[in-house]
């Protein structure tokens, strides 16, 4: 009788632990977007137009979900209402620029326009994860900084060692005098 009670208690603990472990370790990301660009569109809509951190969090993969950071970003954007005249946000169509296995890398430019015709652009690169039948999820977002202009080495000469400064003639070599 005692052995039966102990067996029943162990069975309940094992089943309870198994169910608890399943609930804690299961992938809660279900119902993602149908495409990587749709995931980015929905995320940008939630953050920049709807100002809804809760909705934005529902679009971020569980591995990267930081609800407090999303709430802080939405609060920052919301504060633009006090700092700028009628701020509104648009963005270019998200474009897949690279893929690596289940990841897609999307780029878009978010533009803030104000009622007094000021504009500001922010180029974003968004990493989106394909979870198969569970859809696409935003997992990382970073600002893309424009590359600085390429300099010619700073000596003022082209590859042939000639002075590349303006003011020379037509550039065809005919009738020009070299000094």
Protein backbone atom coordinates (compact mmCIF):
# COMPACT_ATOMS: atom_id res chain seq x y z
CA UNK A 1 0.00 0.00 0.00
CA UNK A 2 2.81 2.44 0.87
CA UNK A 3 4.64 1.47 -2.30
CA UNK A 4 1.51 2.20 -4.31
CA UNK A 5 1.17 5.65 -2.70
CA UNK A 6 4.83 6.44 -3.31
CA UNK A 7 4.50 5.26 -6.92
CA UNK A 8 1.42 7.45 -7.42
CA UNK A 9 3.20 10.47 -5.90
CA UNK A 10 6.27 9.94 -8.12
CA UNK A 11 4.02 9.54 -11.16
CA UNK A 12 2.18 12.80 -10.38
CA UNK A 13 5.49 14.65 -9.87
CA UNK A 14 6.93 13.31 -13.13
CA UNK A 15 3.82 14.16 -15.12
CA UNK A 16 3.58 17.59 -13.49
CA UNK A 17 7.26 18.26 -14.19
CA UNK A 18 6.89 17.03 -17.76
CA UNK A 19 3.89 19.25 -18.43
CA UNK A 20 5.57 22.20 -16.70
CA UNK A 21 8.75 21.68 -18.73
CA UNK A 22 6.75 21.47 -21.94
CA UNK A 23 4.95 24.73 -21.14
CA UNK A 24 8.20 26.50 -20.28
CA UNK A 25 10.26 25.21 -23.20
CA UNK A 26 7.74 25.19 -26.03
CA UNK A 27 8.02 27.69 -28.83
CA UNK A 28 5.37 30.31 -28.16
CA UNK A 29 5.89 31.95 -31.55
CA UNK A 30 2.83 30.94 -33.55
CA UNK A 31 0.86 32.93 -36.09
CA UNK A 32 3.78 34.83 -37.63
CA UNK A 33 3.62 36.78 -40.88
CA UNK A 34 3.24 35.08 -44.26
CA UNK A 35 6.44 36.64 -45.67
CA UNK A 36 9.54 38.40 -44.36
CA UNK A 37 8.44 41.74 -45.82
CA UNK A 38 4.96 41.37 -44.30
CA UNK A 39 6.58 40.81 -40.88
CA UNK A 40 8.58 44.04 -41.25
CA UNK A 41 5.54 45.99 -42.51
CA UNK A 42 3.45 44.88 -39.51
CA UNK A 43 6.26 45.67 -37.06
CA UNK A 44 6.83 49.18 -38.48
CA UNK A 45 3.08 49.82 -38.42
CA UNK A 46 2.86 48.81 -34.75
CA UNK A 47 5.86 50.90 -33.69
CA UNK A 48 5.70 54.05 -35.84
CA UNK A 49 2.00 54.56 -36.62
CA UNK A 50 -0.03 52.67 -34.03
CA UNK A 51 2.47 53.38 -31.21
CA UNK A 52 1.58 49.96 -29.77
CA UNK A 53 4.51 48.27 -28.00
CA UNK A 54 2.34 45.28 -27.06
CA UNK A 55 1.47 44.60 -30.69
CA UNK A 56 5.10 45.10 -31.73
CA UNK A 57 6.20 42.56 -29.10
CA UNK A 58 3.80 40.00 -30.60
CA UNK A 59 5.71 40.31 -33.90
CA UNK A 60 9.20 39.77 -32.42
CA UNK A 61 10.63 36.26 -32.06
CA UNK A 62 10.70 35.02 -28.48
CA UNK A 63 14.51 34.79 -28.45
CA UNK A 64 14.82 38.55 -29.05
CA UNK A 65 11.64 39.86 -27.40
CA UNK A 66 12.41 42.74 -24.99
CA UNK A 67 9.11 44.35 -24.12
CA UNK A 68 10.68 47.11 -22.02
CA UNK A 69 12.98 48.17 -24.89
CA UNK A 70 10.02 48.20 -27.28
CA UNK A 71 7.96 50.25 -24.84
CA UNK A 72 10.84 52.72 -24.49
CA UNK A 73 11.15 53.07 -28.29
CA UNK A 74 7.41 53.61 -28.70
CA UNK A 75 7.47 56.20 -25.89
CA UNK A 76 10.36 57.98 -27.65
CA UNK A 77 8.43 58.11 -30.92
CA UNK A 78 5.28 59.21 -29.11
CA UNK A 79 7.25 62.07 -27.51
CA UNK A 80 7.91 63.43 -31.01
CA UNK A 81 4.32 64.72 -30.84
CA UNK A 82 5.53 67.29 -28.29
CA UNK A 83 8.83 68.08 -30.01
CA UNK A 84 7.80 68.39 -33.65
CA UNK A 85 4.87 69.87 -35.52
CA UNK A 86 2.56 67.05 -36.66
CA UNK A 87 5.18 64.31 -37.11
CA UNK A 88 4.18 61.41 -39.35
CA UNK A 89 6.08 58.37 -40.49
CA UNK A 90 6.33 56.55 -43.79
CA UNK A 91 8.75 53.92 -45.01
CA UNK A 92 9.94 52.51 -48.29
CA UNK A 93 8.75 49.08 -49.33
CA UNK A 94 10.81 46.58 -47.33
CA UNK A 95 13.23 44.80 -49.63
CA UNK A 96 14.92 41.43 -49.08
CA UNK A 97 18.64 42.13 -49.55
CA UNK A 98 20.07 38.79 -48.40
CA UNK A 99 19.10 35.34 -47.12
CA UNK A 100 20.96 32.83 -44.97
CA UNK A 101 19.06 29.62 -44.24
CA UNK A 102 15.95 30.50 -42.22
CA UNK A 103 16.98 34.17 -41.98
CA UNK A 104 16.05 36.97 -44.34
CA UNK A 105 17.66 40.40 -44.17
CA UNK A 106 15.34 43.25 -45.06
CA UNK A 107 16.20 46.91 -45.65
CA UNK A 108 13.86 49.87 -45.60
CA UNK A 109 14.08 53.62 -45.00
CA UNK A 110 11.80 55.16 -42.39
CA UNK A 111 11.06 58.81 -43.06
CA UNK A 112 9.68 61.25 -40.50
CA UNK A 113 7.94 64.26 -42.03
CA UNK A 114 6.67 67.20 -40.02
CA UNK A 115 3.93 69.74 -40.58
CA UNK A 116 6.56 72.42 -41.22
CA UNK A 117 8.07 70.32 -44.03
CA UNK A 118 11.13 68.99 -42.22
CA UNK A 119 12.18 65.44 -43.03
CA UNK A 120 14.54 62.92 -41.53
CA UNK A 121 15.47 59.49 -42.91
CA UNK A 122 16.59 56.42 -41.01
CA UNK A 123 17.85 53.39 -42.98
CA UNK A 124 17.05 50.12 -41.19
CA UNK A 125 18.22 46.54 -41.65
CA UNK A 126 15.83 44.02 -40.12
CA UNK A 127 16.64 40.35 -39.56
CA UNK A 128 13.56 38.15 -39.91
CA UNK A 129 13.36 34.46 -38.95
CA UNK A 130 11.28 31.85 -40.78
CA UNK A 131 9.72 29.43 -38.29
CA UNK A 132 8.16 27.30 -41.00
CA UNK A 133 4.44 26.79 -40.45
CA UNK A 134 4.58 29.35 -37.59
CA UNK A 135 5.45 32.17 -40.00
CA UNK A 136 8.05 34.95 -40.12
CA UNK A 137 9.24 36.85 -37.03
CA UNK A 138 11.31 40.03 -36.54
CA UNK A 139 14.44 39.09 -34.58
CA UNK A 140 16.85 42.02 -34.94
CA UNK A 141 16.82 45.61 -36.10
CA UNK A 142 19.82 47.83 -36.71
CA UNK A 143 20.50 51.21 -38.23
CA UNK A 144 22.40 51.15 -41.50
CA UNK A 145 24.92 53.96 -41.66
CA UNK A 146 25.81 55.27 -45.08
CA UNK A 147 29.33 54.48 -46.20
CA UNK A 148 31.65 57.49 -46.32
CA UNK A 149 32.75 58.70 -49.75
CA UNK A 150 35.77 56.88 -51.13
CA UNK A 151 38.82 59.09 -51.32
CA UNK A 152 41.41 58.78 -54.08
CA UNK A 153 44.34 58.47 -51.72
CA UNK A 154 44.74 62.21 -51.12
CA UNK A 155 47.72 62.88 -53.44
CA UNK A 156 45.69 64.49 -56.24
CA UNK A 157 47.06 62.12 -58.90
CA UNK A 158 45.19 59.51 -60.87
CA UNK A 159 46.44 55.93 -61.39
CA UNK A 160 48.74 56.98 -64.27
CA UNK A 161 50.47 59.48 -61.99
CA UNK A 162 49.01 62.47 -63.78
CA UNK A 163 47.47 65.43 -62.04
CA UNK A 164 43.69 64.82 -61.97
CA UNK A 165 42.81 68.42 -61.14
CA UNK A 166 40.15 70.19 -63.18
CA UNK A 167 41.09 72.84 -65.70
CA UNK A 168 43.04 70.69 -68.17
CA UNK A 169 41.40 70.67 -71.69
CA UNK A 170 38.91 68.35 -73.25
CA UNK A 171 40.65 65.24 -71.93
CA UNK A 172 41.11 63.68 -75.38
CA UNK A 173 44.84 64.48 -75.48
CA UNK A 174 44.68 66.39 -78.75
CA UNK A 175 46.01 69.92 -78.76
CA UNK A 176 46.76 69.93 -75.05
CA UNK A 177 49.98 71.19 -73.61
CA UNK A 178 51.41 69.38 -70.59
CA UNK A 179 53.21 71.56 -68.08
